[in-house]
Amino acid sequence: MRGLYARFALVFVGLTCGILILAFTVLLVQAHRHFMMYQEQAAASADLGMFNAHLEQAIVQSVAWIAAGGIALAALAGLYAAKRMAAPLTAMKAMAVRMAGGELEARTEVRGNDELADLAQAINALAAQLEKQERLRKTMTADVAHELRTPLATLKSHMEAMMDGVWEPTQVRLAACHEEVERLSHLVGDLEQLTQMDSPHFRLRLQTEDLSAIAAQSVETVKAAFAQKQVALRFVAPEQRVFVQADRRRIGQILANVLSNAWKYTPTGGQVEVTVEHTYGEVRVVVTDTGIGISAEELPYVFERFYRTDKSRNRSTGGSGIGLTIARRLAEAHGGRMEIESEVGRGTAVRICFPG
């Protein structure tokens, strides 16, 4: 019997039955002893009234003492059982108080295999998740500060130079300031999207959509940029339509982010291929490029927010480091997933998979 209810029932029923059995046993022994004494003494005396009174008094005293002892024993046993049963809850309360005070590394010991053990495991899991979220919050705050510092410093230096008369406010310099403002605007927009996806109110507008048509439209949108860089862009899709339950705008956003990375990291003369597949009960969009690739050490971290393989954090090639994070979140919101395979110098393949 694993349940907490069964555990409490066994303890209390066992205590009650045990104390009652002990009390009745003592009562029977005492009653038998008094009756034996009564028979022995009554046989040698003619005054039975006095012996009857003594027998009644003895039995009443025995019952009273046995009842008092049973109550005392029940109280002590109940206090001991309550203390043992309340110990896990007391430990969990102490842990919750420590967590409320900021000690998110606090954990409680898990014992047994009942609901209290399940509760302790759940609280430990909650503490671990809160600790992880706190680390992510601190990391994100530091990353946001880093991302904002460079464009703000650039804007400040340019503005001060023009205000002090060191620089003339030429079209080129104003355009450079405008570019930094655009970077800040894009970063804020990406952060807003991440915040929206973390919200419990985030919802997709799912409809039956043709994935091939969405992919074809995304390829057509970026075709000019690829042609200008002299990177070949090829699109392959099956003849039959590939239908999925999807939010068309969000799928387009996923593909735009992935194609943007392929464009950035594929050198002139390279090739990018977008393929729509329908296999093994799922549909996939595979974006393959012949770019610079990603090392095996960096590959597990490419979906982390603000992570860029360019350690110099060069925005001209690395962006804000949020695009793939948003893409994966959107794919998972559709019940799908994103996978990346890459090799330095040979290119990268990104698979965006959705339930078929």
Protein backbone atom coordinates (compact mmCIF):
# COMPACT_ATOMS: atom_id res chain seq x y z
CA MET A 1 0.00 0.00 0.00
CA ARG A 2 1.86 3.03 -1.34
CA GLY A 3 -0.56 5.89 -0.70
CA LEU A 4 -0.18 8.45 2.04
CA TYR A 5 -3.80 7.84 3.08
CA ALA A 6 -3.09 4.13 3.50
CA ARG A 7 0.05 4.92 5.47
CA PHE A 8 -1.75 7.20 7.91
CA ALA A 9 -4.65 4.74 8.20
CA LEU A 10 -2.32 1.85 9.01
CA VAL A 11 -0.47 3.88 11.65
CA PHE A 12 -3.56 5.17 13.43
CA VAL A 13 -5.55 1.94 13.16
CA GLY A 14 -2.50 -0.02 14.31
CA LEU A 15 -1.95 2.28 17.30
CA THR A 16 -5.63 2.19 18.29
CA CYS A 17 -5.95 -1.57 17.94
CA GLY A 18 -2.67 -2.21 19.72
CA ILE A 19 -3.55 -0.01 22.70
CA LEU A 20 -7.06 -1.51 22.95
CA ILE A 21 -5.72 -5.08 22.80
CA LEU A 22 -3.14 -4.27 25.48
CA ALA A 23 -5.75 -2.60 27.68
CA PHE A 24 -8.24 -5.49 27.38
CA THR A 25 -5.47 -8.03 28.06
CA VAL A 26 -4.42 -6.23 31.24
CA LEU A 27 -8.08 -5.85 32.24
CA LEU A 28 -8.76 -9.57 31.79
CA VAL A 29 -5.63 -10.50 33.73
CA GLN A 30 -6.54 -8.16 36.57
CA ALA A 31 -10.17 -9.30 36.63
CA HIS A 32 -9.10 -12.95 36.72
CA ARG A 33 -6.67 -12.23 39.56
CA HIS A 34 -9.32 -10.41 41.61
CA PHE A 35 -11.89 -13.18 41.08
CA MET A 36 -9.36 -15.82 42.15
CA MET A 37 -8.57 -13.81 45.30
CA TYR A 38 -12.31 -13.36 45.92
CA GLN A 39 -12.97 -17.10 45.71
CA GLU A 40 -10.07 -17.97 48.00
CA GLN A 41 -10.99 -15.42 50.68
CA ALA A 42 -14.79 -15.87 50.40
CA ALA A 43 -14.48 -19.62 51.03
CA ALA A 44 -12.86 -18.93 54.43
CA SER A 45 -15.31 -16.23 55.56
CA ALA A 46 -19.05 -15.91 56.00
CA ASP A 47 -19.22 -12.11 55.35
CA LEU A 48 -19.75 -12.15 51.56
CA GLY A 49 -21.05 -8.55 51.46
CA MET A 50 -17.68 -7.13 52.41
CA PHE A 51 -15.89 -9.29 49.83
CA ASN A 52 -18.38 -8.26 47.13
CA ALA A 53 -17.69 -4.61 47.89
CA HIS A 54 -13.93 -5.18 47.83
CA LEU A 55 -14.23 -7.04 44.51
CA GLU A 56 -16.27 -4.22 42.96
CA GLN A 57 -13.82 -1.62 44.23
CA ALA A 58 -10.82 -3.57 42.93
CA ILE A 59 -12.37 -4.03 39.50
CA VAL A 60 -13.33 -0.35 39.26
CA GLN A 61 -9.81 0.73 40.28
CA SER A 62 -8.26 -1.65 37.76
CA VAL A 63 -10.48 -0.32 34.97
CA ALA A 64 -9.66 3.29 35.92
CA TRP A 65 -5.90 2.68 36.03
CA ILE A 66 -5.97 0.73 32.80
CA ALA A 67 -7.99 3.50 31.08
CA ALA A 68 -5.60 6.18 32.38
CA GLY A 69 -2.58 4.17 31.25
CA GLY A 70 -4.16 3.53 27.84
CA ILE A 71 -4.87 7.23 27.36
CA ALA A 72 -1.32 8.18 28.37
CA LEU A 73 0.16 5.53 26.09
CA ALA A 74 -2.09 6.62 23.21
CA ALA A 75 -1.04 10.25 23.71
CA LEU A 76 2.68 9.42 23.73
CA ALA A 77 2.39 7.09 20.74
CA GLY A 78 0.30 9.67 18.86
CA LEU A 79 2.82 12.43 19.55
CA TYR A 80 5.69 10.22 18.38
CA ALA A 81 3.84 9.15 15.22
CA ALA A 82 2.79 12.76 14.45
CA LYS A 83 6.38 13.95 14.87
CA ARG A 84 7.71 11.25 12.55
CA MET A 85 5.03 11.92 9.94
CA ALA A 86 5.37 15.70 10.15
CA ALA A 87 9.19 15.60 9.86
CA PRO A 88 9.22 15.56 6.01
CA LEU A 89 6.68 18.40 5.87
CA THR A 90 8.72 20.39 8.39
CA ALA A 91 11.85 19.86 6.30
CA MET A 92 10.01 20.97 3.15
CA LYS A 93 8.72 24.06 4.94
CA ALA A 94 12.25 24.94 6.06
CA MET A 95 13.46 24.49 2.48
CA ALA A 96 10.67 26.73 1.16
CA VAL A 97 11.63 29.42 3.69
CA ARG A 98 15.27 29.19 2.57
CA MET A 99 14.21 29.45 -1.08
CA ALA A 100 12.08 32.50 -0.27
CA GLY A 101 15.21 34.01 1.29
CA GLY A 102 17.14 33.53 -1.93
CA GLU A 103 18.86 30.19 -1.26
CA LEU A 104 17.71 28.54 -4.49
CA GLU A 105 20.32 25.81 -4.13
CA ALA A 106 18.44 24.40 -1.10
CA ARG A 107 17.16 20.82 -1.43
CA THR A 108 15.16 18.49 0.80
CA GLU A 109 15.89 14.81 1.41
CA VAL A 110 13.59 12.37 -0.37
CA ARG A 111 12.61 9.30 1.64
CA GLY A 112 10.13 6.55 0.99
CA ASN A 113 7.85 5.91 -1.95
CA ASP A 114 4.62 7.74 -1.23
CA GLU A 115 2.97 11.08 -1.88
CA LEU A 116 5.29 12.85 0.57
CA ALA A 117 8.28 11.54 -1.40
CA ASP A 118 6.59 12.70 -4.62
CA LEU A 119 6.02 16.12 -3.06
CA ALA A 120 9.67 16.33 -1.97
CA GLN A 121 10.82 15.41 -5.48
CA ALA A 122 8.47 18.00 -6.99
CA ILE A 123 9.78 20.71 -4.65
CA ASN A 124 13.38 19.76 -5.46
CA ALA A 125 12.55 19.91 -9.17
CA LEU A 126 10.92 23.33 -8.65
CA ALA A 127 14.00 24.56 -6.80
CA ALA A 128 16.27 23.29 -9.58
CA GLN A 129 14.12 25.00 -12.21
CA LEU A 130 14.08 28.27 -10.26
CA GLU A 131 17.84 28.07 -9.85
CA LYS A 132 18.23 27.48 -13.59
CA GLN A 133 15.89 30.36 -14.45
CA GLU A 134 17.79 32.65 -12.08
CA ARG A 135 21.07 31.77 -13.82
CA LEU A 136 19.44 32.37 -17.19
CA ARG A 137 18.07 35.71 -15.98
CA LYS A 138 21.50 36.85 -14.80
CA THR A 139 23.13 35.61 -18.00
CA MET A 140 20.49 37.28 -20.14
CA THR A 141 20.84 40.55 -18.23
CA ALA A 142 24.61 40.49 -18.77
CA ASP A 143 24.18 39.59 -22.44
CA VAL A 144 21.61 42.32 -23.04
CA ALA A 145 23.90 44.83 -21.36
CA HIS A 146 26.75 43.67 -23.60
CA GLU A 147 24.61 43.89 -26.74
CA LEU A 148 23.37 47.37 -25.87
CA ARG A 149 26.71 48.75 -24.76
CA THR A 150 28.45 48.76 -28.15
CA PRO A 151 25.79 50.52 -30.26
CA LEU A 152 25.05 52.97 -27.46
CA ALA A 153 28.76 53.78 -27.08
CA THR A 154 29.03 54.26 -30.84
CA LEU A 155 26.01 56.56 -30.91
CA LYS A 156 27.29 58.53 -27.93
CA SER A 157 30.76 59.08 -29.43
CA HIS A 158 29.31 60.08 -32.81
CA MET A 159 26.81 62.50 -31.29
CA GLU A 160 29.40 64.06 -28.97
CA ALA A 161 31.82 64.50 -31.86
CA MET A 162 29.18 66.24 -33.97
CA MET A 163 27.93 68.36 -31.04
CA ASP A 164 31.49 69.49 -30.20
CA GLY A 165 32.15 70.39 -33.82
CA VAL A 166 34.84 67.75 -34.27
CA TRP A 167 32.77 66.05 -36.97
CA GLU A 168 30.49 67.51 -39.55
CA PRO A 169 27.03 65.85 -39.50
CA THR A 170 27.49 64.39 -42.97
CA GLN A 171 25.13 61.97 -44.66
CA VAL A 172 27.55 59.07 -44.11
CA ARG A 173 27.91 59.70 -40.38
CA LEU A 174 24.20 60.16 -39.88
CA ALA A 175 23.65 56.90 -41.77
CA ALA A 176 26.08 55.16 -39.39
CA CYS A 177 24.10 56.45 -36.42
CA HIS A 178 20.88 55.32 -38.05
CA GLU A 179 22.38 51.84 -38.56
CA GLU A 180 23.17 51.56 -34.84
CA VAL A 181 19.62 52.66 -33.99
CA GLU A 182 18.31 49.96 -36.35
CA ARG A 183 20.42 47.34 -34.57
CA LEU A 184 19.02 48.41 -31.23
CA SER A 185 15.50 48.31 -32.65
CA HIS A 186 15.99 44.78 -34.01
CA LEU A 187 17.47 43.59 -30.71
CA VAL A 188 14.54 44.99 -28.73
CA GLY A 189 12.12 43.40 -31.19
CA ASP A 190 13.82 40.00 -30.81
CA LEU A 191 13.74 40.27 -27.03
CA GLU A 192 10.04 41.13 -27.16
CA GLN A 193 9.39 38.02 -29.24
CA LEU A 194 11.25 35.83 -26.75
CA THR A 195 9.24 37.36 -23.92
CA GLN A 196 5.99 36.71 -25.77
CA MET A 197 6.93 33.06 -26.37
CA ASP A 198 7.78 32.60 -22.69
CA SER A 199 4.36 33.95 -21.73
CA PRO A 200 1.57 31.42 -20.93
CA HIS A 201 -0.72 33.54 -23.13
CA PHE A 202 1.34 32.88 -26.27
CA ARG A 203 -0.82 31.15 -28.88
CA LEU A 204 -0.34 30.09 -32.47
CA ARG A 205 -3.00 30.63 -35.13
CA LEU A 206 -3.00 27.08 -36.44
CA GLN A 207 -4.56 26.29 -39.80
CA THR A 208 -4.11 23.65 -42.47
CA GLU A 209 -1.28 25.05 -44.60
CA ASP A 210 0.79 23.84 -47.54
CA LEU A 211 4.35 23.73 -46.20
CA SER A 212 5.81 23.67 -49.72
CA ALA A 213 4.02 26.93 -50.57
CA ILE A 214 5.26 28.62 -47.38
CA ALA A 215 8.83 27.49 -48.05
CA ALA A 216 8.64 28.60 -51.69
CA GLN A 217 7.44 32.05 -50.63
CA SER A 218 10.27 32.36 -48.07
CA VAL A 219 12.84 31.41 -50.75
CA GLU A 220 11.38 33.93 -53.19
CA THR A 221 11.61 36.67 -50.55
CA VAL A 222 15.38 36.23 -50.02
CA LYS A 223 16.30 35.32 -53.59
CA ALA A 224 17.49 38.84 -54.46
CA ALA A 225 19.86 39.03 -51.46
CA PHE A 226 21.40 35.66 -52.36
CA ALA A 227 21.79 36.71 -56.01
CA GLN A 228 23.49 39.95 -54.98
CA LYS A 229 26.01 37.98 -52.90
CA GLN A 230 26.39 35.46 -55.75
CA VAL A 231 25.25 32.52 -53.65
CA ALA A 232 23.16 29.95 -55.53
CA LEU A 233 19.77 29.34 -53.91
CA ARG A 234 17.91 26.18 -54.92
CA PHE A 235 14.43 25.03 -53.87
CA VAL A 236 13.25 21.40 -54.07
CA ALA A 237 9.75 20.21 -53.12
CA PRO A 238 7.60 17.15 -53.89
CA GLU A 239 4.96 17.38 -56.59
CA GLN A 240 2.10 16.72 -54.19
CA ARG A 241 1.17 19.26 -51.56
CA VAL A 242 2.53 18.81 -48.04
CA PHE A 243 -0.11 19.87 -45.53
CA VAL A 244 0.57 20.67 -41.87
CA GLN A 245 -1.27 22.32 -39.00
CA ALA A 246 0.73 25.52 -38.70
CA ASP A 247 0.76 29.26 -38.19
CA ARG A 248 1.80 30.50 -41.62
CA ARG A 249 3.40 33.72 -40.39
CA ARG A 250 5.43 31.91 -37.71
CA ILE A 251 6.66 29.24 -40.12
CA GLY A 252 7.79 32.03 -42.44
CA GLN A 253 9.62 33.60 -39.50
CA ILE A 254 11.45 30.33 -38.76
CA LEU A 255 12.57 29.98 -42.37
CA ALA A 256 13.59 33.63 -42.56
CA ASN A 257 15.88 33.23 -39.54
CA VAL A 258 17.44 30.02 -40.84
CA LEU A 259 17.92 31.41 -44.38
CA SER A 260 19.41 34.58 -42.93
CA ASN A 261 22.07 32.51 -41.14
CA ALA A 262 22.73 30.51 -44.32
CA TRP A 263 23.20 33.76 -46.25
CA LYS A 264 25.58 35.21 -43.65
CA TYR A 265 27.82 32.18 -43.32
CA THR A 266 27.94 31.01 -46.96
CA PRO A 267 30.73 32.73 -48.91
CA THR A 268 30.41 34.05 -52.46
CA GLY A 269 30.21 31.19 -54.94
CA GLY A 270 28.60 28.87 -52.41
CA GLN A 271 25.22 27.15 -52.57
CA VAL A 272 22.14 26.91 -50.34
CA GLU A 273 19.44 24.34 -50.93
CA VAL A 274 15.97 24.33 -49.36
CA THR A 275 14.21 20.95 -49.51
CA VAL A 276 10.69 20.00 -48.38
CA GLU A 277 10.32 16.34 -47.41
CA HIS A 278 7.45 14.15 -46.23
CA THR A 279 8.69 10.96 -44.56
CA TYR A 280 8.32 8.75 -41.48
CA GLY A 281 5.10 10.38 -40.32
CA GLU A 282 6.54 13.89 -40.28
CA VAL A 283 7.26 16.72 -42.69
CA ARG A 284 10.57 18.54 -42.81
CA VAL A 285 12.15 21.59 -44.31
CA VAL A 286 15.90 21.04 -44.70
CA VAL A 287 18.17 24.03 -45.33
CA THR A 288 21.63 22.92 -46.44
CA ASP A 289 24.50 25.30 -47.17
CA THR A 290 28.14 25.06 -48.19
CA GLY A 291 29.20 27.69 -45.66
CA ILE A 292 31.96 27.85 -43.09
CA GLY A 293 30.30 25.32 -40.80
CA ILE A 294 30.21 25.03 -37.01
CA SER A 295 32.70 23.16 -34.84
CA ALA A 296 31.57 20.13 -32.82
CA GLU A 297 32.37 22.00 -29.58
CA GLU A 298 30.07 24.91 -30.45
CA LEU A 299 27.23 22.94 -32.03
CA PRO A 300 25.37 22.13 -28.75
CA TYR A 301 25.13 25.86 -27.91
CA VAL A 302 23.89 27.39 -31.16
CA PHE A 303 20.27 27.53 -29.92
CA GLU A 304 21.15 29.42 -26.75
CA ARG A 305 20.14 33.05 -26.72
CA PHE A 306 22.93 35.54 -27.56
CA TYR A 307 25.31 32.73 -28.50
CA ARG A 308 27.41 33.38 -31.60
CA THR A 309 30.13 31.23 -33.07
CA ASP A 310 32.00 34.45 -33.85
CA LYS A 311 33.78 35.02 -30.52
CA SER A 312 34.53 38.61 -31.49
CA ARG A 313 30.73 39.15 -31.50
CA ASN A 314 30.98 40.93 -34.85
CA ARG A 315 27.47 42.06 -35.70
CA SER A 316 28.19 42.25 -39.39
CA THR A 317 28.39 38.44 -39.47
CA GLY A 318 26.92 37.30 -36.18
CA GLY A 319 23.67 39.19 -35.73
CA SER A 320 22.20 39.41 -32.23
CA GLY A 321 22.43 35.67 -31.50
CA ILE A 322 18.68 35.34 -30.89
CA GLY A 323 17.41 34.25 -34.31
CA LEU A 324 17.93 30.51 -33.89
CA THR A 325 16.58 30.66 -30.34
CA ILE A 326 13.34 32.17 -31.65
CA ALA A 327 13.21 29.68 -34.54
CA ARG A 328 13.54 26.67 -32.25
CA ARG A 329 10.93 28.02 -29.80
CA LEU A 330 8.48 28.49 -32.66
CA ALA A 331 9.18 25.00 -34.03
CA GLU A 332 8.59 23.47 -30.59
CA ALA A 333 5.38 25.50 -30.21
CA HIS A 334 4.14 23.70 -33.35
CA GLY A 335 4.93 20.36 -31.71
CA GLY A 336 8.05 19.99 -33.85
CA ARG A 337 11.78 20.32 -33.39
CA MET A 338 14.94 21.71 -34.98
CA GLU A 339 18.13 19.76 -35.60
CA ILE A 340 21.52 20.94 -36.83
CA GLU A 341 24.37 18.99 -38.37
CA SER A 342 27.54 20.83 -39.32
CA GLU A 343 31.19 20.37 -40.11
CA VAL A 344 33.80 23.10 -40.27
CA GLY A 345 34.64 23.95 -43.85
CA ARG A 346 31.93 21.74 -45.34
CA GLY A 347 28.69 23.52 -44.41
CA THR A 348 25.60 23.13 -42.26
CA ALA A 349 22.26 21.33 -42.56
CA VAL A 350 19.28 22.57 -40.53
CA ARG A 351 16.21 20.31 -40.29
CA ILE A 352 12.92 21.85 -39.23
CA CYS A 353 10.54 18.98 -38.45
CA PHE A 354 6.76 19.11 -37.90
CA PRO A 355 4.23 16.38 -37.12
CA GLY A 356 2.83 14.91 -40.36
